[in-house]
PDB file of N, CA and C in Angstrom:
ATOM      1  N   MET A   1      86.189  90.154 140.083  1.00  0.00           N
ATOM      2  CA  MET A   1      86.135  88.638 138.299  1.00  0.00           C
ATOM      3  C   MET A   1      86.167  87.616 139.380  1.00  0.00           C
ATOM      4  N   SER A   2      85.038  86.355 138.426  1.00  0.00           N
ATOM      5  CA  SER A   2      85.916  85.353 138.425  1.00  0.00           C
ATOM      6  C   SER A   2      87.085  84.773 137.869  1.00  0.00           C
ATOM      7  N   THR A   3      87.587  83.640 137.986  1.00  0.00           N
ATOM      8  CA  THR A   3      88.873  83.179 137.078  1.00  0.00           C
ATOM      9  C   THR A   3      88.339  83.147 135.641  1.00  0.00           C
ATOM     10  N   PHE A   4      87.603  82.575 135.671  1.00  0.00           N
ATOM     11  CA  PHE A   4      86.445  83.018 134.237  1.00  0.00           C
ATOM     12  C   PHE A   4      85.821  83.459 133.477  1.00  0.00           C
ATOM     13  N   ASP A   5      86.184  83.989 134.252  1.00  0.00           N
ATOM     14  CA  ASP A   5      85.621  86.012 133.449  1.00  0.00           C
ATOM     15  C   ASP A   5      87.346  86.501 133.374  1.00  0.00           C
ATOM     16  N   GLN A   6      87.796  86.849 134.242  1.00  0.00           N
ATOM     17  CA  GLN A   6      89.711  86.528 133.849  1.00  0.00           C
ATOM     18  C   GLN A   6      90.224  85.776 132.641  1.00  0.00           C
ATOM     19  N   ARG A   7      90.176  84.892 132.702  1.00  0.00           N
ATOM     20  CA  ARG A   7      90.715  84.058 131.395  1.00  0.00           C
ATOM     21  C   ARG A   7      90.189  84.592 130.223  1.00  0.00           C
ATOM     22  N   GLU A   8      88.759  83.935 130.094  1.00  0.00           N
ATOM     23  CA  GLU A   8      87.677  85.258 128.984  1.00  0.00           C
ATOM     24  C   GLU A   8      88.417  86.612 128.907  1.00  0.00           C
ATOM     25  N   ASP A   9      88.482  87.578 129.322  1.00  0.00           N
ATOM     26  CA  ASP A   9      89.135  89.127 129.465  1.00  0.00           C
ATOM     27  C   ASP A   9      91.150  88.662 129.040  1.00  0.00           C
ATOM     28  N   SER A  10      91.452  88.064 129.137  1.00  0.00           N
ATOM     29  CA  SER A  10      92.424  87.212 128.674  1.00  0.00           C
ATOM     30  C   SER A  10      92.454  87.499 127.572  1.00  0.00           C
ATOM     31  N   PHE A  11      91.579  86.070 127.398  1.00  0.00           N
ATOM     32  CA  PHE A  11      91.865  86.018 125.739  1.00  0.00           C
ATOM     33  C   PHE A  11      90.979  87.076 124.912  1.00  0.00           C
ATOM     34  N   GLU A  12      90.074  88.287 125.466  1.00  0.00           N
ATOM     35  CA  GLU A  12      89.804  88.765 124.341  1.00  0.00           C
ATOM     36  C   GLU A  12      90.490  89.911 123.794  1.00  0.00           C
ATOM     37  N   LYS A  13      91.998  90.086 125.305  1.00  0.00           N
ATOM     38  CA  LYS A  13      93.042  90.909 125.054  1.00  0.00           C
ATOM     39  C   LYS A  13      93.668  90.626 123.941  1.00  0.00           C
ATOM     40  N   ARG A  14      94.004  89.066 124.182  1.00  0.00           N
ATOM     41  CA  ARG A  14      95.053  88.356 123.273  1.00  0.00           C
ATOM     42  C   ARG A  14      94.331  88.092 121.542  1.00  0.00           C
ATOM     43  N   TYR A  15      93.198  88.050 121.818  1.00  0.00           N
ATOM     44  CA  TYR A  15      92.758  88.103 120.224  1.00  0.00           C
ATOM     45  C   TYR A  15      92.865  89.453 119.825  1.00  0.00           C
ATOM     46  N   VAL A  16      92.446  90.777 119.774  1.00  0.00           N
ATOM     47  CA  VAL A  16      92.781  92.082 119.808  1.00  0.00           C
ATOM     48  C   VAL A  16      94.403  92.245 119.402  1.00  0.00           C
ATOM     49  N   HIS A  17      95.082  91.562 120.205  1.00  0.00           N
ATOM     50  CA  HIS A  17      96.213  92.089 119.993  1.00  0.00           C
ATOM     51  C   HIS A  17      97.229  91.297 119.134  1.00  0.00           C
ATOM     52  N   ASP A  18      96.306  90.229 118.356  1.00  0.00           N
ATOM     53  CA  ASP A  18      97.044  89.961 117.304  1.00  0.00           C
ATOM     54  C   ASP A  18      95.917  90.023 116.179  1.00  0.00           C
ATOM     55  N   GLU A  19      95.135  90.026 116.230  1.00  0.00           N
ATOM     56  CA  GLU A  19      94.382  90.251 115.751  1.00  0.00           C
ATOM     57  C   GLU A  19      94.761  92.230 114.548  1.00  0.00           C
ATOM     58  N   GLU A  20      95.560  93.018 115.860  1.00  0.00           N
ATOM     59  CA  GLU A  20      96.718  94.202 114.983  1.00  0.00           C
ATOM     60  C   GLU A  20      98.119  93.862 114.655  1.00  0.00           C
ATOM     61  N   LEU A  21      98.233  92.902 114.780  1.00  0.00           N
ATOM     62  CA  LEU A  21      99.803  92.586 114.313  1.00  0.00           C
ATOM     63  C   LEU A  21      99.309  92.246 112.579  1.00  0.00           C
ATOM     64  N   LYS A  22      98.195  91.373 113.258  1.00  0.00           N
ATOM     65  CA  LYS A  22      97.775  90.889 111.462  1.00  0.00           C
ATOM     66  C   LYS A  22      97.749  91.840 110.252  1.00  0.00           C
ATOM     67  N   PHE A  23      97.003  92.875 111.547  1.00  0.00           N
ATOM     68  CA  PHE A  23      97.312  94.170 110.265  1.00  0.00           C
ATOM     69  C   PHE A  23      97.624  94.781 109.827  1.00  0.00           C
ATOM     70  N   ARG A  24      98.906  94.913 110.741  1.00  0.00           N
ATOM     71  CA  ARG A  24      99.801  95.816 110.082  1.00  0.00           C
ATOM     72  C   ARG A  24     101.058  95.163 110.123  1.00  0.00           C
ATOM     73  N   ALA A  25     100.586  93.632 109.753  1.00  0.00           N
ATOM     74  CA  ALA A  25     101.212  92.754 109.026  1.00  0.00           C
ATOM     75  C   ALA A  25     101.699  93.051 107.761  1.00  0.00           C
ATOM     76  N   GLU A  26      99.851  93.428 107.225  1.00  0.00           N
ATOM     77  CA  GLU A  26      99.602  93.112 105.958  1.00  0.00           C
ATOM     78  C   GLU A  26      99.491  94.153 105.547  1.00  0.00           C
ATOM     79  N   ALA A  27      99.690  95.261 106.181  1.00  0.00           N
ATOM     80  CA  ALA A  27      99.494  96.520 105.790  1.00  0.00           C
ATOM     81  C   ALA A  27     101.490  97.187 105.534  1.00  0.00           C
ATOM     82  N   ARG A  28     102.065  97.068 106.075  1.00  0.00           N
ATOM     83  CA  ARG A  28     103.626  96.630 105.390  1.00  0.00           C
ATOM     84  C   ARG A  28     103.825  95.312 105.194  1.00  0.00           C
ATOM     85  N   ARG A  29     102.871  94.671 104.932  1.00  0.00           N
ATOM     86  CA  ARG A  29     103.647  93.927 103.082  1.00  0.00           C
ATOM     87  C   ARG A  29     103.195  94.303 102.597  1.00  0.00           C
ATOM     88  N   ASN A  30     101.927  94.750 102.108  1.00  0.00           N
ATOM     89  CA  ASN A  30     101.596  96.045 100.867  1.00  0.00           C
ATOM     90  C   ASN A  30     102.409  96.754 100.427  1.00  0.00           C
ATOM     91  N   LYS A  31     103.025  97.860 101.193  1.00  0.00           N
ATOM     92  CA  LYS A  31     103.746  98.281 100.854  1.00  0.00           C
ATOM     93  C   LYS A  31     105.503  98.074 100.418  1.00  0.00           C
ATOM     94  N   LEU A  32     105.623  96.585 101.013  1.00  0.00           N
ATOM     95  CA  LEU A  32     107.003  96.173 100.301  1.00  0.00           C
ATOM     96  C   LEU A  32     105.928  95.884  99.201  1.00  0.00           C
ATOM     97  N   VAL A  33     105.266  95.320  98.451  1.00  0.00           N
ATOM     98  CA  VAL A  33     105.081  93.935  97.892  1.00  0.00           C
ATOM     99  C   VAL A  33     104.639  95.698  96.409  1.00  0.00           C
ATOM    100  N   GLY A  34     104.129  96.865  96.864  1.00  0.00           N
ATOM    101  CA  GLY A  34     104.098  98.067  96.369  1.00  0.00           C
ATOM    102  C   GLY A  34     105.238  99.257  96.050  1.00  0.00           C
ATOM    103  N   LEU A  35     106.034  98.941  96.918  1.00  0.00           N
ATOM    104  CA  LEU A  35     107.875  99.257  96.713  1.00  0.00           C
ATOM    105  C   LEU A  35     108.555  97.957  95.626  1.00  0.00           C
ATOM    106  N   TRP A  36     108.182  96.780  95.955  1.00  0.00           N
ATOM    107  CA  TRP A  36     108.772  95.947  94.881  1.00  0.00           C
ATOM    108  C   TRP A  36     108.323  95.896  93.160  1.00  0.00           C
ATOM    109  N   ALA A  37     107.028  96.507  93.454  1.00  0.00           N
ATOM    110  CA  ALA A  37     106.265  96.570  92.301  1.00  0.00           C
ATOM    111  C   ALA A  37     106.621  97.970  90.984  1.00  0.00           C
ATOM    112  N   ALA A  38     106.318  98.988  92.551  1.00  0.00           N
ATOM    113  CA  ALA A  38     106.927  99.857  91.714  1.00  0.00           C
ATOM    114  C   ALA A  38     108.362  99.906  90.933  1.00  0.00           C
ATOM    115  N   GLU A  39     109.313  99.323  91.688  1.00  0.00           N
ATOM    116  CA  GLU A  39     110.569  99.071  90.970  1.00  0.00           C
ATOM    117  C   GLU A  39     110.325  98.734  89.274  1.00  0.00           C
ATOM    118  N   LYS A  40     110.133  96.855  89.766  1.00  0.00           N
ATOM    119  CA  LYS A  40     109.499  96.875  88.133  1.00  0.00           C
ATOM    120  C   LYS A  40     109.176  98.066  87.445  1.00  0.00           C
ATOM    121  N   LEU A  41     108.432  98.589  87.537  1.00  0.00           N
ATOM    122  CA  LEU A  41     107.235  99.747  86.332  1.00  0.00           C
ATOM    123  C   LEU A  41     108.099 100.236  86.001  1.00  0.00           C
ATOM    124  N   GLY A  42     109.621 100.902  87.478  1.00  0.00           N
ATOM    125  CA  GLY A  42     110.067 102.101  86.139  1.00  0.00           C
ATOM    126  C   GLY A  42     109.618 102.907  88.180  1.00  0.00           C
ATOM    127  N   LYS A  43     109.163 103.529  88.677  1.00  0.00           N
ATOM    128  CA  LYS A  43     108.487 104.246  89.159  1.00  0.00           C
ATOM    129  C   LYS A  43     109.722 104.114  90.606  1.00  0.00           C
ATOM    130  N   THR A  44     109.904 105.643  90.844  1.00  0.00           N
ATOM    131  CA  THR A  44     110.977 105.668  91.887  1.00  0.00           C
ATOM    132  C   THR A  44     110.277 107.029  92.596  1.00  0.00           C
ATOM    133  N   GLY A  45     111.457 107.456  93.707  1.00  0.00           N
ATOM    134  CA  GLY A  45     110.679 107.876  94.528  1.00  0.00           C
ATOM    135  C   GLY A  45     109.989 108.385  95.363  1.00  0.00           C
ATOM    136  N   ALA A  46     109.353 109.271  95.017  1.00  0.00           N
ATOM    137  CA  ALA A  46     107.619 110.461  95.535  1.00  0.00           C
ATOM    138  C   ALA A  46     106.389 109.056  94.756  1.00  0.00           C
ATOM    139  N   GLU A  47     106.815 109.333  93.490  1.00  0.00           N
ATOM    140  CA  GLU A  47     105.536 108.140  92.279  1.00  0.00           C
ATOM    141  C   GLU A  47     105.965 106.696  92.748  1.00  0.00           C
ATOM    142  N   ALA A  48     107.244 105.978  93.254  1.00  0.00           N
ATOM    143  CA  ALA A  48     106.465 104.531  94.358  1.00  0.00           C
ATOM    144  C   ALA A  48     106.190 105.194  95.721  1.00  0.00           C
ATOM    145  N   GLN A  49     106.394 105.647  96.222  1.00  0.00           N
ATOM    146  CA  GLN A  49     106.012 105.564  97.934  1.00  0.00           C
ATOM    147  C   GLN A  49     104.256 106.366  97.078  1.00  0.00           C
ATOM    148  N   ALA A  50     103.756 106.693  96.146  1.00  0.00           N
ATOM    149  CA  ALA A  50     101.935 106.674  96.047  1.00  0.00           C
ATOM    150  C   ALA A  50     101.765 105.336  96.064  1.00  0.00           C
ATOM    151  N   TYR A  51     102.661 104.858  95.340  1.00  0.00           N
ATOM    152  CA  TYR A  51     101.777 103.703  94.416  1.00  0.00           C
ATOM    153  C   TYR A  51     101.744 102.873  95.840  1.00  0.00           C
ATOM    154  N   ALA A  52     102.506 102.496  96.274  1.00  0.00           N
ATOM    155  CA  ALA A  52     102.963 101.442  97.881  1.00  0.00           C
ATOM    156  C   ALA A  52     101.776 102.032  98.457  1.00  0.00           C
ATOM    157  N   ALA A  53     101.461 103.020  98.834  1.00  0.00           N
ATOM    158  CA  ALA A  53     100.429 103.559  99.625  1.00  0.00           C
ATOM    159  C   ALA A  53      99.113 103.976  99.106  1.00  0.00           C
ATOM    160  N   ALA A  54      99.445 104.007  97.631  1.00  0.00           N
ATOM    161  CA  ALA A  54      98.004 103.212  97.358  1.00  0.00           C
ATOM    162  C   ALA A  54      97.430 101.578  97.928  1.00  0.00           C
ATOM    163  N   LEU A  55      98.440 100.719  97.606  1.00  0.00           N
ATOM    164  CA  LEU A  55      98.844  99.324  97.893  1.00  0.00           C
ATOM    165  C   LEU A  55      98.318  99.414  99.364  1.00  0.00           C
ATOM    166  N   VAL A  56      98.977  99.807  99.974  1.00  0.00           N
ATOM    167  CA  VAL A  56      98.367  99.716 101.470  1.00  0.00           C
ATOM    168  C   VAL A  56      96.406 100.319 101.721  1.00  0.00           C
ATOM    169  N   ALA A  57      96.381 101.026 100.595  1.00  0.00           N
ATOM    170  CA  ALA A  57      95.409 101.704 101.870  1.00  0.00           C
ATOM    171  C   ALA A  57      93.948 100.550 100.996  1.00  0.00           C
ATOM    172  N   ALA A  58      94.552  99.277 100.265  1.00  0.00           N
ATOM    173  CA  ALA A  58      93.377  98.376  99.332  1.00  0.00           C
ATOM    174  C   ALA A  58      93.216  97.323 101.132  1.00  0.00           C
ATOM    175  N   GLU A  59      94.613  97.403 101.950  1.00  0.00           N
ATOM    176  CA  GLU A  59      94.052  96.697 103.284  1.00  0.00           C
ATOM    177  C   GLU A  59      92.423  96.726 103.873  1.00  0.00           C
ATOM    178  N   VAL A  60      92.232  97.900 103.658  1.00  0.00           N
ATOM    179  CA  VAL A  60      90.842  97.855 104.109  1.00  0.00           C
ATOM    180  C   VAL A  60      89.932  97.490 104.197  1.00  0.00           C
ATOM    181  N   SER A  61      89.685  96.908 102.625  1.00  0.00           N
ATOM    182  CA  SER A  61      88.406  96.456 101.798  1.00  0.00           C
ATOM    183  C   SER A  61      88.636  95.055 101.862  1.00  0.00           C
ATOM    184  N   ALA A  62      87.216  93.907 102.146  1.00  0.00           N
ATOM    185  CA  ALA A  62      87.505  93.242 102.574  1.00  0.00           C
ATOM    186  C   ALA A  62      88.209  91.766 102.173  1.00  0.00           C
ATOM    187  N   ASP A  63      88.463  92.367 100.856  1.00  0.00           N
ATOM    188  CA  ASP A  63      89.404  90.894  99.949  1.00  0.00           C
ATOM    189  C   ASP A  63      90.023  91.932  99.213  1.00  0.00           C
ATOM    190  N   ALA A  64      90.831  92.213 100.026  1.00  0.00           N
ATOM    191  CA  ALA A  64      92.811  92.878 100.415  1.00  0.00           C
ATOM    192  C   ALA A  64      92.987  92.136  99.212  1.00  0.00           C
ATOM    193  N   ASP A  65      93.881  91.381  99.866  1.00  0.00           N
ATOM    194  CA  ASP A  65      94.893  90.082  98.878  1.00  0.00           C
ATOM    195  C   ASP A  65      93.977  90.057  97.438  1.00  0.00           C
ATOM    196  N   GLU A  66      93.529  90.279  97.450  1.00  0.00           N
ATOM    197  CA  GLU A  66      92.823  90.277  95.904  1.00  0.00           C
ATOM    198  C   GLU A  66      92.917  90.838  95.072  1.00  0.00           C
ATOM    199  N   ARG A  67      92.912  92.474  95.802  1.00  0.00           N
ATOM    200  CA  ARG A  67      93.146  93.369  95.342  1.00  0.00           C
ATOM    201  C   ARG A  67      94.386  93.940  94.669  1.00  0.00           C
ATOM    202  N   VAL A  68      95.010  93.524  95.365  1.00  0.00           N
ATOM    203  CA  VAL A  68      96.649  93.684  95.749  1.00  0.00           C
ATOM    204  C   VAL A  68      96.844  92.891  93.983  1.00  0.00           C
ATOM    205  N   VAL A  69      96.510  91.647  93.965  1.00  0.00           N
ATOM    206  CA  VAL A  69      96.819  90.963  93.683  1.00  0.00           C
ATOM    207  C   VAL A  69      96.354  91.307  92.261  1.00  0.00           C
ATOM    208  N   ALA A  70      95.221  91.450  92.212  1.00  0.00           N
ATOM    209  CA  ALA A  70      94.654  92.095  90.409  1.00  0.00           C
ATOM    210  C   ALA A  70      94.771  93.657  90.723  1.00  0.00           C
ATOM    211  N   THR A  71      95.540  94.872  90.680  1.00  0.00           N
ATOM    212  CA  THR A  71      95.596  95.534  90.675  1.00  0.00           C
ATOM    213  C   THR A  71      97.106  95.665  90.515  1.00  0.00           C
ATOM    214  N   VAL A  72      98.051  95.657  90.665  1.00  0.00           N
ATOM    215  CA  VAL A  72      99.946  94.725  90.049  1.00  0.00           C
ATOM    216  C   VAL A  72      99.831  93.675  89.142  1.00  0.00           C
ATOM    217  N   LYS A  73      98.639  92.859  89.065  1.00  0.00           N
ATOM    218  CA  LYS A  73      98.959  92.340  87.755  1.00  0.00           C
ATOM    219  C   LYS A  73      98.100  93.881  86.781  1.00  0.00           C
ATOM    220  N   LYS A  74      97.431  93.793  87.333  1.00  0.00           N
ATOM    221  CA  LYS A  74      96.638  94.921  86.095  1.00  0.00           C
ATOM    222  C   LYS A  74      98.097  96.034  85.735  1.00  0.00           C
ATOM    223  N   ASP A  75      98.675  96.226  86.463  1.00  0.00           N
ATOM    224  CA  ASP A  75      99.381  97.719  85.907  1.00  0.00           C
ATOM    225  C   ASP A  75     101.108  97.200  85.873  1.00  0.00           C
ATOM    226  N   PHE A  76     101.166  96.491  85.737  1.00  0.00           N
ATOM    227  CA  PHE A  76     102.427  95.075  84.949  1.00  0.00           C
ATOM    228  C   PHE A  76     102.385  94.392  83.704  1.00  0.00           C
ATOM    229  N   GLU A  77     100.833  93.885  83.982  1.00  0.00           N
ATOM    230  CA  GLU A  77      99.821  94.097  81.992  1.00  0.00           C
ATOM    231  C   GLU A  77     100.146  94.754  81.385  1.00  0.00           C
ATOM    232  N   ALA A  78      99.857  96.582  82.010  1.00  0.00           N
ATOM    233  CA  ALA A  78     100.003  97.282  81.100  1.00  0.00           C
ATOM    234  C   ALA A  78     101.405  97.401  80.694  1.00  0.00           C
ATOM    235  N   ALA A  79     102.349  97.631  82.205  1.00  0.00           N
ATOM    236  CA  ALA A  79     103.157  98.152  80.864  1.00  0.00           C
ATOM    237  C   ALA A  79     104.399  96.739  80.421  1.00  0.00           C
ATOM    238  N   GLY A  80     103.324  95.596  79.961  1.00  0.00           N
ATOM    239  CA  GLY A  80     104.117  95.109  79.788  1.00  0.00           C
ATOM    240  C   GLY A  80     105.868  94.318  81.073  1.00  0.00           C
ATOM    241  N   VAL A  81     105.422  93.429  81.680  1.00  0.00           N
ATOM    242  CA  VAL A  81     106.084  93.852  82.340  1.00  0.00           C
ATOM    243  C   VAL A  81     105.400  92.393  82.698  1.00  0.00           C
ATOM    244  N   ASP A  82     106.871  91.554  82.997  1.00  0.00           N
ATOM    245  CA  ASP A  82     106.848  89.871  82.274  1.00  0.00           C
ATOM    246  C   ASP A  82     106.784  89.602  83.791  1.00  0.00           C
ATOM    247  N   GLN A  83     105.530  89.097  85.019  1.00  0.00           N
ATOM    248  CA  GLN A  83     104.876  88.136  85.889  1.00  0.00           C
ATOM    249  C   GLN A  83     104.284  87.302  86.136  1.00  0.00           C
ATOM    250  N   SER A  84     104.516  86.361  86.414  1.00  0.00           N
ATOM    251  CA  SER A  84     102.810  85.890  86.028  1.00  0.00           C
ATOM    252  C   SER A  84     101.912  85.806  88.053  1.00  0.00           C
ATOM    253  N   GLU A  85     100.758  85.593  87.955  1.00  0.00           N
ATOM    254  CA  GLU A  85      99.888  85.846  89.134  1.00  0.00           C
ATOM    255  C   GLU A  85     100.663  84.840  89.663  1.00  0.00           C
ATOM    256  N   HIS A  86     100.861  83.917  89.787  1.00  0.00           N
ATOM    257  CA  HIS A  86     101.703  83.185  91.005  1.00  0.00           C
ATOM    258  C   HIS A  86     103.122  83.656  91.547  1.00  0.00           C
ATOM    259  N   GLN A  87     103.715  84.447  91.053  1.00  0.00           N
ATOM    260  CA  GLN A  87     105.152  85.132  90.843  1.00  0.00           C
ATOM    261  C   GLN A  87     104.224  86.545  92.193  1.00  0.00           C
ATOM    262  N   ILE A  88     103.921  87.078  91.453  1.00  0.00           N
ATOM    263  CA  ILE A  88     102.821  87.705  92.643  1.00  0.00           C
ATOM    264  C   ILE A  88     102.483  87.603  94.306  1.00  0.00           C
ATOM    265  N   ARG A  89     101.812  86.124  93.803  1.00  0.00           N
ATOM    266  CA  ARG A  89     101.678  86.512  94.675  1.00  0.00           C
ATOM    267  C   ARG A  89     102.876  85.522  96.457  1.00  0.00           C
ATOM    268  N   ARG A  90     103.561  84.439  95.079  1.00  0.00           N
ATOM    269  CA  ARG A  90     104.590  84.499  95.732  1.00  0.00           C
ATOM    270  C   ARG A  90     104.970  85.097  96.808  1.00  0.00           C
ATOM    271  N   THR A  91     106.003  86.891  95.529  1.00  0.00           N
ATOM    272  CA  THR A  91     105.854  87.765  95.769  1.00  0.00           C
ATOM    273  C   THR A  91     105.733  88.692  97.694  1.00  0.00           C
ATOM    274  N   MET A  92     104.499  88.155  97.036  1.00  0.00           N
ATOM    275  CA  MET A  92     103.262  88.811  98.441  1.00  0.00           C
ATOM    276  C   MET A  92     103.862  87.757  99.987  1.00  0.00           C
ATOM    277  N   GLU A  93     103.784  86.372  99.700  1.00  0.00           N
ATOM    278  CA  GLU A  93     103.894  85.931 100.785  1.00  0.00           C
ATOM    279  C   GLU A  93     105.330  85.720 101.033  1.00  0.00           C
ATOM    280  N   GLU A  94     106.506  85.860 100.449  1.00  0.00           N
ATOM    281  CA  GLU A  94     107.652  86.481 101.389  1.00  0.00           C
ATOM    282  C   GLU A  94     107.522  88.139 102.288  1.00  0.00           C
ATOM    283  N   MET A  95     107.363  88.673 101.746  1.00  0.00           N
ATOM    284  CA  MET A  95     106.946  89.937 101.749  1.00  0.00           C
ATOM    285  C   MET A  95     106.228  90.090 103.614  1.00  0.00           C
ATOM    286  N   LEU A  96     105.064  89.313 102.848  1.00  0.00           N
ATOM    287  CA  LEU A  96     104.798  89.116 104.742  1.00  0.00           C
ATOM    288  C   LEU A  96     105.290  88.374 105.807  1.00  0.00           C
ATOM    289  N   ALA A  97     106.016  87.759 105.634  1.00  0.00           N
ATOM    290  CA  ALA A  97     107.346  86.956 106.679  1.00  0.00           C
ATOM    291  C   ALA A  97     108.223  87.852 106.433  1.00  0.00           C
ATOM    292  N   LYS A  98     108.734  88.846 105.986  1.00  0.00           N
ATOM    293  CA  LYS A  98     109.092  89.907 105.642  1.00  0.00           C
ATOM    294  C   LYS A  98     109.216  91.372 107.053  1.00  0.00           C
ATOM    295  N   ALA A  99     108.116  91.308 107.095  1.00  0.00           N
ATOM    296  CA  ALA A  99     106.732  92.269 107.514  1.00  0.00           C
ATOM    297  C   ALA A  99     107.518  91.849 109.383  1.00  0.00           C
ATOM    298  N   LYS A 100     106.466  90.955 109.399  1.00  0.00           N
ATOM    299  CA  LYS A 100     106.076  89.699 110.561  1.00  0.00           C
ATOM    300  C   LYS A 100     107.641  89.875 111.283  1.00  0.00           C
ATOM    301  N   ALA A 101     108.868  89.464 110.475  1.00  0.00           N
ATOM    302  CA  ALA A 101     109.938  90.121 111.206  1.00  0.00           C
ATOM    303  C   ALA A 101     110.418  90.981 111.636  1.00  0.00           C
ATOM    304  N   GLU A 102     109.506  91.712 110.843  1.00  0.00           N
ATOM    305  CA  GLU A 102     110.046  93.382 111.160  1.00  0.00           C
ATOM    306  C   GLU A 102     109.521  94.338 112.786  1.00  0.00           C
ATOM    307  N   ILE A 103     108.330  93.664 112.851  1.00  0.00           N
ATOM    308  CA  ILE A 103     107.449  93.882 112.843  1.00  0.00           C
ATOM    309  C   ILE A 103     108.120  93.587 115.237  1.00  0.00           C
ATOM    310  N   LYS A 104     108.122  92.077 114.626  1.00  0.00           N
ATOM    311  CA  LYS A 104     108.484  91.412 116.159  1.00  0.00           C
ATOM    312  C   LYS A 104     109.883  91.574 115.957  1.00  0.00           C
ATOM    313  N   ALA A 105     110.796  93.018 115.132  1.00  0.00           N
ATOM    314  CA  ALA A 105     112.288  92.831 116.040  1.00  0.00           C
ATOM    315  C   ALA A 105     112.118  94.679 116.555  1.00  0.00           C
ATOM    316  N   GLY A 106     110.877  95.043 116.392  1.00  0.00           N
ATOM    317  CA  GLY A 106     110.172  96.768 116.174  1.00  0.00           C
ATOM    318  C   GLY A 106     110.764  97.195 115.862  1.00  0.00           C
ATOM    319  N   ALA A 107     110.756  97.314 113.871  1.00  0.00           N
ATOM    320  CA  ALA A 107     110.929  98.118 113.216  1.00  0.00           C
ATOM    321  C   ALA A 107     109.836  99.135 112.956  1.00  0.00           C
TER     322      ALA A 107
END
């Protein structure tokens, strides 16, 4: 294998690794956002876990972020929870940073 082939292989492996970490972080973020939203909606225990799991399932779609925002916003509106779309997106950003830190720490 030539040096070029080795470098190419190395870049491909790094790309796969980075994409896997991104996927894991976004899935964890969705779970954290789901638990945050469930608390605001008055859900606890298994009901809160199920709500969070439903948001994690949204991660497999092409427009996952938008689906999560839309779902949480719709559920907040239906329950009379006063949270703007901006606040939901800001919380998603905060939870993504937390998720990345947790993954980096091996949690």
